Amino acid sequence: FLGGSFYSVHMLPPFWQKVTLFNPVVYLVSGFRWSFYDL
């Protein structure tokens, strides 16, 4: 839920964007979403 499943990490404040990158699920969701929409 905190890995960008329902939102873009870029929508977060800069500090929380950096914190979110320590969440491994972010990389799974991001790569999977890229395969759909190039995002």
PDB file of all heavy atoms in Angstrom:
ATOM      1  N   PHE A   1       0.821  -1.207   0.000  1.00  0.00           N
ATOM      2  CA  PHE A   1       0.000   0.000   0.000  1.00  0.00           C
ATOM      3  C   PHE A   1       0.857   1.260   0.000  1.00  0.00           C
ATOM      4  O   PHE A   1       0.450   2.290  -0.556  1.00  0.00           O
ATOM      5  CB  PHE A   1      -0.924   0.000   1.218  1.00  0.00           C
ATOM      6  CG  PHE A   1      -2.199  -0.765   1.003  1.00  0.00           C
ATOM      7  CD1 PHE A   1      -2.302  -2.091   1.386  1.00  0.00           C
ATOM      8  CD2 PHE A   1      -3.288  -0.170   0.394  1.00  0.00           C
ATOM      9  CE1 PHE A   1      -3.465  -2.810   1.186  1.00  0.00           C
ATOM     10  CE2 PHE A   1      -4.464  -0.880   0.181  1.00  0.00           C
ATOM     11  CZ  PHE A   1      -4.554  -2.202   0.582  1.00  0.00           C
ATOM     12  N   LEU A   2       2.046   1.181   0.613  1.00  0.00           N
ATOM     13  CA  LEU A   2       2.937   2.343   0.664  1.00  0.00           C
ATOM     14  C   LEU A   2       3.961   2.321  -0.470  1.00  0.00           C
ATOM     15  O   LEU A   2       4.876   3.143  -0.478  1.00  0.00           O
ATOM     16  CB  LEU A   2       3.669   2.369   2.012  1.00  0.00           C
ATOM     17  CG  LEU A   2       2.782   2.535   3.247  1.00  0.00           C
ATOM     18  CD1 LEU A   2       3.609   2.390   4.520  1.00  0.00           C
ATOM     19  CD2 LEU A   2       2.070   3.880   3.223  1.00  0.00           C
ATOM     20  N   GLY A   3       3.799   1.385  -1.393  1.00  0.00           N
ATOM     21  CA  GLY A   3       4.773   1.240  -2.468  1.00  0.00           C
ATOM     22  C   GLY A   3       4.345   1.821  -3.798  1.00  0.00           C
ATOM     23  O   GLY A   3       4.873   1.425  -4.849  1.00  0.00           O
ATOM     24  N   GLY A   4       3.378   2.721  -3.792  1.00  0.00           N
ATOM     25  CA  GLY A   4       2.952   3.345  -5.038  1.00  0.00           C
ATOM     26  C   GLY A   4       1.911   2.562  -5.811  1.00  0.00           C
ATOM     27  O   GLY A   4       1.731   2.804  -7.002  1.00  0.00           O
ATOM     28  N   SER A   5       1.212   1.634  -5.147  1.00  0.00           N
ATOM     29  CA  SER A   5       0.196   0.854  -5.851  1.00  0.00           C
ATOM     30  C   SER A   5      -0.965   1.729  -6.308  1.00  0.00           C
ATOM     31  O   SER A   5      -1.539   1.513  -7.379  1.00  0.00           O
ATOM     32  CB  SER A   5      -0.336  -0.261  -4.946  1.00  0.00           C
ATOM     33  OG  SER A   5       0.699  -1.164  -4.609  1.00  0.00           O
ATOM     34  N   PHE A   6      -1.331   2.712  -5.498  1.00  0.00           N
ATOM     35  CA  PHE A   6      -2.495   3.538  -5.791  1.00  0.00           C
ATOM     36  C   PHE A   6      -2.146   5.005  -6.032  1.00  0.00           C
ATOM     37  O   PHE A   6      -3.030   5.851  -6.095  1.00  0.00           O
ATOM     38  CB  PHE A   6      -3.506   3.435  -4.645  1.00  0.00           C
ATOM     39  CG  PHE A   6      -3.927   2.023  -4.365  1.00  0.00           C
ATOM     40  CD1 PHE A   6      -3.432   1.328  -3.274  1.00  0.00           C
ATOM     41  CD2 PHE A   6      -4.810   1.374  -5.213  1.00  0.00           C
ATOM     42  CE1 PHE A   6      -3.816   0.028  -3.023  1.00  0.00           C
ATOM     43  CE2 PHE A   6      -5.200   0.076  -4.971  1.00  0.00           C
ATOM     44  CZ  PHE A   6      -4.700  -0.610  -3.876  1.00  0.00           C
ATOM     45  N   TYR A   7      -0.880   5.294  -6.133  1.00  0.00           N
ATOM     46  CA  TYR A   7      -0.451   6.664  -6.389  1.00  0.00           C
ATOM     47  C   TYR A   7       0.950   6.644  -6.980  1.00  0.00           C
ATOM     48  O   TYR A   7       1.646   5.618  -6.935  1.00  0.00           O
ATOM     49  CB  TYR A   7      -0.447   7.494  -5.097  1.00  0.00           C
ATOM     50  CG  TYR A   7       0.439   6.920  -4.010  1.00  0.00           C
ATOM     51  CD1 TYR A   7       1.783   7.271  -3.925  1.00  0.00           C
ATOM     52  CD2 TYR A   7      -0.059   6.023  -3.080  1.00  0.00           C
ATOM     53  CE1 TYR A   7       2.608   6.744  -2.945  1.00  0.00           C
ATOM     54  CE2 TYR A   7       0.751   5.482  -2.094  1.00  0.00           C
ATOM     55  CZ  TYR A   7       2.078   5.846  -2.030  1.00  0.00           C
ATOM     56  OH  TYR A   7       2.897   5.308  -1.060  1.00  0.00           O
ATOM     57  N   SER A   8       1.352   7.775  -7.532  1.00  0.00           N
ATOM     58  CA  SER A   8       2.716   7.910  -8.036  1.00  0.00           C
ATOM     59  C   SER A   8       3.605   8.451  -6.929  1.00  0.00           C
ATOM     60  O   SER A   8       3.199   9.348  -6.175  1.00  0.00           O
ATOM     61  CB  SER A   8       2.739   8.860  -9.238  1.00  0.00           C
ATOM     62  OG  SER A   8       4.074   9.147  -9.613  1.00  0.00           O
ATOM     63  N   VAL A   9       4.788   7.915  -6.825  1.00  0.00           N
ATOM     64  CA  VAL A   9       5.732   8.400  -5.808  1.00  0.00           C
ATOM     65  C   VAL A   9       6.036   9.874  -6.027  1.00  0.00           C
ATOM     66  O   VAL A   9       6.294  10.619  -5.068  1.00  0.00           O
ATOM     67  CB  VAL A   9       7.025   7.559  -5.850  1.00  0.00           C
ATOM     68  CG1 VAL A   9       8.090   8.147  -4.933  1.00  0.00           C
ATOM     69  CG2 VAL A   9       6.728   6.116  -5.458  1.00  0.00           C
ATOM     70  N   HIS A  10       5.957  10.324  -7.268  1.00  0.00           N
ATOM     71  CA  HIS A  10       6.245  11.725  -7.578  1.00  0.00           C
ATOM     72  C   HIS A  10       5.205  12.672  -6.992  1.00  0.00           C
ATOM     73  O   HIS A  10       5.426  13.891  -6.955  1.00  0.00           O
ATOM     74  CB  HIS A  10       6.329  11.925  -9.089  1.00  0.00           C
ATOM     75  CG  HIS A  10       7.431  11.145  -9.731  1.00  0.00           C
ATOM     76  ND1 HIS A  10       8.739  11.189  -9.288  1.00  0.00           N
ATOM     77  CD2 HIS A  10       7.421  10.274 -10.780  1.00  0.00           C
ATOM     78  CE1 HIS A  10       9.490  10.401 -10.051  1.00  0.00           C
ATOM     79  NE2 HIS A  10       8.718   9.831 -10.953  1.00  0.00           N
ATOM     80  N   MET A  11       4.066  12.125  -6.550  1.00  0.00           N
ATOM     81  CA  MET A  11       3.037  12.959  -5.941  1.00  0.00           C
ATOM     82  C   MET A  11       3.357  13.295  -4.490  1.00  0.00           C
ATOM     83  O   MET A  11       2.688  14.137  -3.888  1.00  0.00           O
ATOM     84  CB  MET A  11       1.675  12.249  -6.029  1.00  0.00           C
ATOM     85  CG  MET A  11       1.214  11.969  -7.451  1.00  0.00           C
ATOM     86  SD  MET A  11      -0.206  10.847  -7.542  1.00  0.00           S
ATOM     87  CE  MET A  11      -1.469  11.856  -6.774  1.00  0.00           C
ATOM     88  N   LEU A  12       4.351  12.617  -3.916  1.00  0.00           N
ATOM     89  CA  LEU A  12       4.717  12.825  -2.518  1.00  0.00           C
ATOM     90  C   LEU A  12       5.675  14.011  -2.385  1.00  0.00           C
ATOM     91  O   LEU A  12       6.345  14.393  -3.348  1.00  0.00           O
ATOM     92  CB  LEU A  12       5.385  11.566  -1.960  1.00  0.00           C
ATOM     93  CG  LEU A  12       4.561  10.278  -1.967  1.00  0.00           C
ATOM     94  CD1 LEU A  12       5.425   9.109  -1.508  1.00  0.00           C
ATOM     95  CD2 LEU A  12       3.331  10.415  -1.079  1.00  0.00           C
ATOM     96  N   PRO A  13       5.782  14.599  -1.180  1.00  0.00           N
ATOM     97  CA  PRO A  13       6.800  15.634  -0.930  1.00  0.00           C
ATOM     98  C   PRO A  13       8.198  15.050  -1.140  1.00  0.00           C
ATOM     99  O   PRO A  13       8.400  13.832  -1.009  1.00  0.00           O
ATOM    100  CB  PRO A  13       6.561  16.009   0.541  1.00  0.00           C
ATOM    101  CG  PRO A  13       5.146  15.620   0.808  1.00  0.00           C
ATOM    102  CD  PRO A  13       4.885  14.407  -0.032  1.00  0.00           C
ATOM    103  N   PRO A  14       9.184  15.878  -1.460  1.00  0.00           N
ATOM    104  CA  PRO A  14      10.541  15.388  -1.760  1.00  0.00           C
ATOM    105  C   PRO A  14      11.119  14.476  -0.684  1.00  0.00           C
ATOM    106  O   PRO A  14      11.751  13.460  -1.006  1.00  0.00           O
ATOM    107  CB  PRO A  14      11.357  16.680  -1.909  1.00  0.00           C
ATOM    108  CG  PRO A  14      10.361  17.695  -2.348  1.00  0.00           C
ATOM    109  CD  PRO A  14       9.075  17.341  -1.658  1.00  0.00           C
ATOM    110  N   PHE A  15      10.917  14.822   0.585  1.00  0.00           N
ATOM    111  CA  PHE A  15      11.476  13.993   1.658  1.00  0.00           C
ATOM    112  C   PHE A  15      10.907  12.585   1.625  1.00  0.00           C
ATOM    113  O   PHE A  15      11.645  11.593   1.724  1.00  0.00           O
ATOM    114  CB  PHE A  15      11.199  14.648   3.017  1.00  0.00           C
ATOM    115  CG  PHE A  15      11.593  13.779   4.183  1.00  0.00           C
ATOM    116  CD1 PHE A  15      12.921  13.639   4.545  1.00  0.00           C
ATOM    117  CD2 PHE A  15      10.628  13.085   4.901  1.00  0.00           C
ATOM    118  CE1 PHE A  15      13.286  12.823   5.617  1.00  0.00           C
ATOM    119  CE2 PHE A  15      10.981  12.269   5.967  1.00  0.00           C
ATOM    120  CZ  PHE A  15      12.315  12.142   6.324  1.00  0.00           C
ATOM    121  N   TRP A  16       9.570  12.476   1.479  1.00  0.00           N
ATOM    122  CA  TRP A  16       8.940  11.161   1.488  1.00  0.00           C
ATOM    123  C   TRP A  16       9.211  10.387   0.211  1.00  0.00           C
ATOM    124  O   TRP A  16       9.142   9.158   0.197  1.00  0.00           O
ATOM    125  CB  TRP A  16       7.439  11.312   1.724  1.00  0.00           C
ATOM    126  CG  TRP A  16       7.136  11.768   3.118  1.00  0.00           C
ATOM    127  CD1 TRP A  16       6.675  12.986   3.513  1.00  0.00           C
ATOM    128  CD2 TRP A  16       7.334  11.006   4.311  1.00  0.00           C
ATOM    129  NE1 TRP A  16       6.566  13.039   4.881  1.00  0.00           N
ATOM    130  CE2 TRP A  16       6.959  11.830   5.398  1.00  0.00           C
ATOM    131  CE3 TRP A  16       7.791   9.716   4.584  1.00  0.00           C
ATOM    132  CZ2 TRP A  16       7.027  11.407   6.715  1.00  0.00           C
ATOM    133  CZ3 TRP A  16       7.864   9.283   5.895  1.00  0.00           C
ATOM    134  CH2 TRP A  16       7.474  10.121   6.941  1.00  0.00           C
ATOM    135  N   GLN A  17       9.519  11.090  -0.872  1.00  0.00           N
ATOM    136  CA  GLN A  17       9.944  10.386  -2.079  1.00  0.00           C
ATOM    137  C   GLN A  17      11.223   9.602  -1.820  1.00  0.00           C
ATOM    138  O   GLN A  17      11.365   8.456  -2.256  1.00  0.00           O
ATOM    139  CB  GLN A  17      10.162  11.379  -3.219  1.00  0.00           C
ATOM    140  CG  GLN A  17       8.894  11.996  -3.783  1.00  0.00           C
ATOM    141  CD  GLN A  17       9.169  12.882  -4.979  1.00  0.00           C
ATOM    142  OE1 GLN A  17      10.128  12.651  -5.710  1.00  0.00           O
ATOM    143  NE2 GLN A  17       8.329  13.885  -5.188  1.00  0.00           N
ATOM    144  N   LYS A  18      12.156  10.220  -1.098  1.00  0.00           N
ATOM    145  CA  LYS A  18      13.422   9.553  -0.788  1.00  0.00           C
ATOM    146  C   LYS A  18      13.203   8.405   0.192  1.00  0.00           C
ATOM    147  O   LYS A  18      13.805   7.331   0.056  1.00  0.00           O
ATOM    148  CB  LYS A  18      14.409  10.561  -0.221  1.00  0.00           C
ATOM    149  CG  LYS A  18      14.800  11.653  -1.209  1.00  0.00           C
ATOM    150  CD  LYS A  18      15.758  12.659  -0.589  1.00  0.00           C
ATOM    151  CE  LYS A  18      16.112  13.765  -1.578  1.00  0.00           C
ATOM    152  NZ  LYS A  18      17.008  14.786  -0.962  1.00  0.00           N
ATOM    153  N   VAL A  19      12.331   8.601   1.178  1.00  0.00           N
ATOM    154  CA  VAL A  19      12.042   7.545   2.150  1.00  0.00           C
ATOM    155  C   VAL A  19      11.393   6.349   1.460  1.00  0.00           C
ATOM    156  O   VAL A  19      11.720   5.184   1.752  1.00  0.00           O
ATOM    157  CB  VAL A  19      11.125   8.088   3.269  1.00  0.00           C
ATOM    158  CG1 VAL A  19      10.673   6.944   4.189  1.00  0.00           C
ATOM    159  CG2 VAL A  19      11.850   9.152   4.079  1.00  0.00           C
ATOM    160  N   THR A  20      10.484   6.627   0.536  1.00  0.00           N
ATOM    161  CA  THR A  20       9.760   5.561  -0.157  1.00  0.00           C
ATOM    162  C   THR A  20      10.690   4.655  -0.956  1.00  0.00           C
ATOM    163  O   THR A  20      10.399   3.463  -1.144  1.00  0.00           O
ATOM    164  CB  THR A  20       8.704   6.170  -1.094  1.00  0.00           C
ATOM    165  OG1 THR A  20       7.833   7.005  -0.347  1.00  0.00           O
ATOM    166  CG2 THR A  20       7.888   5.090  -1.782  1.00  0.00           C
ATOM    167  N   LEU A  21      11.808   5.185  -1.406  1.00  0.00           N
ATOM    168  CA  LEU A  21      12.737   4.386  -2.210  1.00  0.00           C
ATOM    169  C   LEU A  21      13.368   3.252  -1.409  1.00  0.00           C
ATOM    170  O   LEU A  21      13.973   2.352  -1.983  1.00  0.00           O
ATOM    171  CB  LEU A  21      13.830   5.284  -2.798  1.00  0.00           C
ATOM    172  CG  LEU A  21      13.354   6.307  -3.837  1.00  0.00           C
ATOM    173  CD1 LEU A  21      14.518   7.159  -4.324  1.00  0.00           C
ATOM    174  CD2 LEU A  21      12.671   5.614  -5.017  1.00  0.00           C
ATOM    175  N   PHE A  22      13.243   3.276  -0.080  1.00  0.00           N
ATOM    176  CA  PHE A  22      13.731   2.168   0.739  1.00  0.00           C
ATOM    177  C   PHE A  22      12.724   1.021   0.799  1.00  0.00           C
ATOM    178  O   PHE A  22      13.024  -0.037   1.352  1.00  0.00           O
ATOM    179  CB  PHE A  22      14.031   2.652   2.162  1.00  0.00           C
ATOM    180  CG  PHE A  22      15.244   3.540   2.254  1.00  0.00           C
ATOM    181  CD1 PHE A  22      15.121   4.919   2.257  1.00  0.00           C
ATOM    182  CD2 PHE A  22      16.520   2.988   2.321  1.00  0.00           C
ATOM    183  CE1 PHE A  22      16.237   5.736   2.329  1.00  0.00           C
ATOM    184  CE2 PHE A  22      17.640   3.791   2.394  1.00  0.00           C
ATOM    185  CZ  PHE A  22      17.503   5.175   2.397  1.00  0.00           C
ATOM    186  N   ASN A  23      11.561   1.239   0.239  1.00  0.00           N
ATOM    187  CA  ASN A  23      10.536   0.200   0.190  1.00  0.00           C
ATOM    188  C   ASN A  23      10.771  -0.662  -1.048  1.00  0.00           C
ATOM    189  O   ASN A  23      10.646  -0.180  -2.175  1.00  0.00           O
ATOM    190  CB  ASN A  23       9.155   0.855   0.135  1.00  0.00           C
ATOM    191  CG  ASN A  23       8.018  -0.164   0.112  1.00  0.00           C
ATOM    192  OD1 ASN A  23       8.240  -1.369  -0.004  1.00  0.00           O
ATOM    193  ND2 ASN A  23       6.807   0.329   0.227  1.00  0.00           N
ATOM    194  N   PRO A  24      11.092  -1.939  -0.901  1.00  0.00           N
ATOM    195  CA  PRO A  24      11.396  -2.775  -2.078  1.00  0.00           C
ATOM    196  C   PRO A  24      10.215  -2.959  -3.020  1.00  0.00           C
ATOM    197  O   PRO A  24      10.405  -3.191  -4.221  1.00  0.00           O
ATOM    198  CB  PRO A  24      11.824  -4.113  -1.459  1.00  0.00           C
ATOM    199  CG  PRO A  24      11.220  -4.112  -0.091  1.00  0.00           C
ATOM    200  CD  PRO A  24      11.212  -2.689   0.359  1.00  0.00           C
ATOM    201  N   VAL A  25       8.997  -2.850  -2.495  1.00  0.00           N
ATOM    202  CA  VAL A  25       7.820  -3.050  -3.341  1.00  0.00           C
ATOM    203  C   VAL A  25       7.694  -1.932  -4.375  1.00  0.00           C
ATOM    204  O   VAL A  25       7.110  -2.126  -5.444  1.00  0.00           O
ATOM    205  CB  VAL A  25       6.549  -3.151  -2.468  1.00  0.00           C
ATOM    206  CG1 VAL A  25       5.297  -3.294  -3.336  1.00  0.00           C
ATOM    207  CG2 VAL A  25       6.654  -4.338  -1.521  1.00  0.00           C
ATOM    208  N   VAL A  26       8.245  -0.752  -4.080  1.00  0.00           N
ATOM    209  CA  VAL A  26       8.206   0.360  -5.029  1.00  0.00           C
ATOM    210  C   VAL A  26       8.802  -0.053  -6.370  1.00  0.00           C
ATOM    211  O   VAL A  26       8.265   0.270  -7.438  1.00  0.00           O
ATOM    212  CB  VAL A  26       8.969   1.584  -4.464  1.00  0.00           C
ATOM    213  CG1 VAL A  26       9.195   2.633  -5.549  1.00  0.00           C
ATOM    214  CG2 VAL A  26       8.202   2.194  -3.312  1.00  0.00           C
ATOM    215  N   TYR A  27       9.892  -0.794  -6.334  1.00  0.00           N
ATOM    216  CA  TYR A  27      10.581  -1.189  -7.560  1.00  0.00           C
ATOM    217  C   TYR A  27       9.768  -2.209  -8.348  1.00  0.00           C
ATOM    218  O   TYR A  27       9.781  -2.195  -9.583  1.00  0.00           O
ATOM    219  CB  TYR A  27      11.964  -1.739  -7.218  1.00  0.00           C
ATOM    220  CG  TYR A  27      12.802  -0.739  -6.469  1.00  0.00           C
ATOM    221  CD1 TYR A  27      12.820  -0.700  -5.080  1.00  0.00           C
ATOM    222  CD2 TYR A  27      13.564   0.215  -7.151  1.00  0.00           C
ATOM    223  CE1 TYR A  27      13.580   0.236  -4.388  1.00  0.00           C
ATOM    224  CE2 TYR A  27      14.321   1.151  -6.476  1.00  0.00           C
ATOM    225  CZ  TYR A  27      14.325   1.161  -5.089  1.00  0.00           C
ATOM    226  OH  TYR A  27      15.061   2.099  -4.411  1.00  0.00           O
ATOM    227  N   LEU A  28       9.048  -3.078  -7.636  1.00  0.00           N
ATOM    228  CA  LEU A  28       8.199  -4.060  -8.318  1.00  0.00           C
ATOM    229  C   LEU A  28       7.036  -3.379  -9.009  1.00  0.00           C
ATOM    230  O   LEU A  28       6.756  -3.628 -10.190  1.00  0.00           O
ATOM    231  CB  LEU A  28       7.678  -5.088  -7.298  1.00  0.00           C
ATOM    232  CG  LEU A  28       8.713  -5.884  -6.512  1.00  0.00           C
ATOM    233  CD1 LEU A  28       8.019  -6.784  -5.507  1.00  0.00           C
ATOM    234  CD2 LEU A  28       9.573  -6.718  -7.446  1.00  0.00           C
ATOM    235  N   VAL A  29       6.343  -2.513  -8.270  1.00  0.00           N
ATOM    236  CA  VAL A  29       5.183  -1.826  -8.826  1.00  0.00           C
ATOM    237  C   VAL A  29       5.596  -0.890  -9.961  1.00  0.00           C
ATOM    238  O   VAL A  29       4.943  -0.834 -11.009  1.00  0.00           O
ATOM    239  CB  VAL A  29       4.443  -1.036  -7.727  1.00  0.00           C
ATOM    240  CG1 VAL A  29       3.313  -0.204  -8.326  1.00  0.00           C
ATOM    241  CG2 VAL A  29       3.910  -1.980  -6.658  1.00  0.00           C
ATOM    242  N   SER A  30       6.705  -0.181  -9.771  1.00  0.00           N
ATOM    243  CA  SER A  30       7.164   0.770 -10.786  1.00  0.00           C
ATOM    244  C   SER A  30       7.514   0.056 -12.091  1.00  0.00           C
ATOM    245  O   SER A  30       7.102   0.483 -13.176  1.00  0.00           O
ATOM    246  CB  SER A  30       8.379   1.540 -10.262  1.00  0.00           C
ATOM    247  OG  SER A  30       8.896   2.397 -11.252  1.00  0.00           O
ATOM    248  N   GLY A  31       8.270  -1.026 -12.000  1.00  0.00           N
ATOM    249  CA  GLY A  31       8.629  -1.769 -13.203  1.00  0.00           C
ATOM    250  C   GLY A  31       7.419  -2.382 -13.890  1.00  0.00           C
ATOM    251  O   GLY A  31       7.317  -2.372 -15.126  1.00  0.00           O
ATOM    252  N   PHE A  32       6.501  -2.896 -13.082  1.00  0.00           N
ATOM    253  CA  PHE A  32       5.292  -3.509 -13.645  1.00  0.00           C
ATOM    254  C   PHE A  32       4.430  -2.450 -14.322  1.00  0.00           C
ATOM    255  O   PHE A  32       3.892  -2.683 -15.414  1.00  0.00           O
ATOM    256  CB  PHE A  32       4.514  -4.212 -12.530  1.00  0.00           C
ATOM    257  CG  PHE A  32       3.514  -5.202 -13.023  1.00  0.00           C
ATOM    258  CD1 PHE A  32       3.901  -6.275 -13.809  1.00  0.00           C
ATOM    259  CD2 PHE A  32       2.174  -5.081 -12.688  1.00  0.00           C
ATOM    260  CE1 PHE A  32       2.985  -7.207 -14.263  1.00  0.00           C
ATOM    261  CE2 PHE A  32       1.243  -6.004 -13.136  1.00  0.00           C
ATOM    262  CZ  PHE A  32       1.645  -7.069 -13.922  1.00  0.00           C
ATOM    263  N   ARG A  33       4.305  -1.269 -13.706  1.00  0.00           N
ATOM    264  CA  ARG A  33       3.498  -0.202 -14.308  1.00  0.00           C
ATOM    265  C   ARG A  33       4.146   0.322 -15.595  1.00  0.00           C
ATOM    266  O   ARG A  33       3.451   0.682 -16.539  1.00  0.00           O
ATOM    267  CB  ARG A  33       3.309   0.931 -13.294  1.00  0.00           C
ATOM    268  CG  ARG A  33       2.444   2.083 -13.820  1.00  0.00           C
ATOM    269  CD  ARG A  33       2.124   3.071 -12.727  1.00  0.00           C
ATOM    270  NE  ARG A  33       1.170   2.524 -11.779  1.00  0.00           N
ATOM    271  CZ  ARG A  33       1.319   2.549 -10.461  1.00  0.00           C
ATOM    272  NH1 ARG A  33       2.408   3.076  -9.930  1.00  0.00           N
ATOM    273  NH2 ARG A  33       0.388   2.040  -9.685  1.00  0.00           N
ATOM    274  N   TRP A  34       5.479   0.332 -15.626  1.00  0.00           N
ATOM    275  CA  TRP A  34       6.161   0.772 -16.839  1.00  0.00           C
ATOM    276  C   TRP A  34       5.813  -0.113 -18.013  1.00  0.00           C
ATOM    277  O   TRP A  34       5.672   0.364 -19.150  1.00  0.00           O
ATOM    278  CB  TRP A  34       7.675   0.779 -16.619  1.00  0.00           C
ATOM    279  CG  TRP A  34       8.452   1.236 -17.816  1.00  0.00           C
ATOM    280  CD1 TRP A  34       8.776   2.521 -18.151  1.00  0.00           C
ATOM    281  CD2 TRP A  34       8.993   0.410 -18.868  1.00  0.00           C
ATOM    282  NE1 TRP A  34       9.488   2.550 -19.330  1.00  0.00           N
ATOM    283  CE2 TRP A  34       9.628   1.264 -19.796  1.00  0.00           C
ATOM    284  CE3 TRP A  34       8.998  -0.957 -19.094  1.00  0.00           C
ATOM    285  CZ2 TRP A  34      10.261   0.788 -20.926  1.00  0.00           C
ATOM    286  CZ3 TRP A  34       9.619  -1.435 -20.240  1.00  0.00           C
ATOM    287  CH2 TRP A  34      10.247  -0.578 -21.139  1.00  0.00           C
ATOM    288  N   SER A  35       5.680  -1.413 -17.760  1.00  0.00           N
ATOM    289  CA  SER A  35       5.352  -2.330 -18.844  1.00  0.00           C
ATOM    290  C   SER A  35       3.961  -2.070 -19.414  1.00  0.00           C
ATOM    291  O   SER A  35       3.674  -2.442 -20.547  1.00  0.00           O
ATOM    292  CB  SER A  35       5.446  -3.783 -18.359  1.00  0.00           C
ATOM    293  OG  SER A  35       4.410  -4.085 -17.443  1.00  0.00           O
ATOM    294  N   PHE A  36       3.094  -1.401 -18.638  1.00  0.00           N
ATOM    295  CA  PHE A  36       1.758  -1.064 -19.108  1.00  0.00           C
ATOM    296  C   PHE A  36       1.737   0.273 -19.854  1.00  0.00           C
ATOM    297  O   PHE A  36       1.224   0.363 -20.963  1.00  0.00           O
ATOM    298  CB  PHE A  36       0.783  -0.988 -17.922  1.00  0.00           C
ATOM    299  CG  PHE A  36       0.274  -2.318 -17.454  1.00  0.00           C
ATOM    300  CD1 PHE A  36       1.097  -3.184 -16.773  1.00  0.00           C
ATOM    301  CD2 PHE A  36      -1.036  -2.703 -17.694  1.00  0.00           C
ATOM    302  CE1 PHE A  36       0.637  -4.410 -16.325  1.00  0.00           C
ATOM    303  CE2 PHE A  36      -1.513  -3.931 -17.261  1.00  0.00           C
ATOM    304  CZ  PHE A  36      -0.672  -4.795 -16.578  1.00  0.00           C
ATOM    305  N   TYR A  37       2.293   1.316 -19.208  1.00  0.00           N
ATOM    306  CA  TYR A  37       2.065   2.677 -19.707  1.00  0.00           C
ATOM    307  C   TYR A  37       3.338   3.482 -19.976  1.00  0.00           C
ATOM    308  O   TYR A  37       3.253   4.680 -20.234  1.00  0.00           O
ATOM    309  CB  TYR A  37       1.219   3.462 -18.697  1.00  0.00           C
ATOM    310  CG  TYR A  37      -0.006   2.733 -18.235  1.00  0.00           C
ATOM    311  CD1 TYR A  37      -0.196   2.432 -16.886  1.00  0.00           C
ATOM    312  CD2 TYR A  37      -0.984   2.329 -19.143  1.00  0.00           C
ATOM    313  CE1 TYR A  37      -1.319   1.764 -16.456  1.00  0.00           C
ATOM    314  CE2 TYR A  37      -2.109   1.647 -18.724  1.00  0.00           C
ATOM    315  CZ  TYR A  37      -2.280   1.359 -17.371  1.00  0.00           C
ATOM    316  OH  TYR A  37      -3.390   0.686 -16.951  1.00  0.00           O
ATOM    317  N   ASP A  38       4.508   2.862 -19.870  1.00  0.00           N
ATOM    318  CA  ASP A  38       5.769   3.602 -20.029  1.00  0.00           C
ATOM    319  C   ASP A  38       5.943   4.648 -18.931  1.00  0.00           C
ATOM    320  O   ASP A  38       6.640   5.644 -19.119  1.00  0.00           O
ATOM    321  CB  ASP A  38       5.856   4.290 -21.400  1.00  0.00           C
ATOM    322  CG  ASP A  38       6.301   3.324 -22.495  1.00  0.00           C
ATOM    323  OD1 ASP A  38       7.101   2.417 -22.188  1.00  0.00           O
ATOM    324  OD2 ASP A  38       5.851   3.466 -23.631  1.00  0.00           O
ATOM    325  N   LEU A  39       5.299   4.422 -17.785  1.00  0.00           N
ATOM    326  CA  LEU A  39       5.423   5.320 -16.634  1.00  0.00           C
ATOM    327  C   LEU A  39       6.136   4.577 -15.515  1.00  0.00           C
ATOM    328  O   LEU A  39       5.811   3.425 -15.227  1.00  0.00           O
ATOM    329  CB  LEU A  39       4.048   5.769 -16.138  1.00  0.00           C
ATOM    330  CG  LEU A  39       3.180   6.576 -17.110  1.00  0.00           C
ATOM    331  CD1 LEU A  39       1.820   6.857 -16.485  1.00  0.00           C
ATOM    332  CD2 LEU A  39       3.870   7.871 -17.492  1.00  0.00           C
TER     333      LEU A  39
END
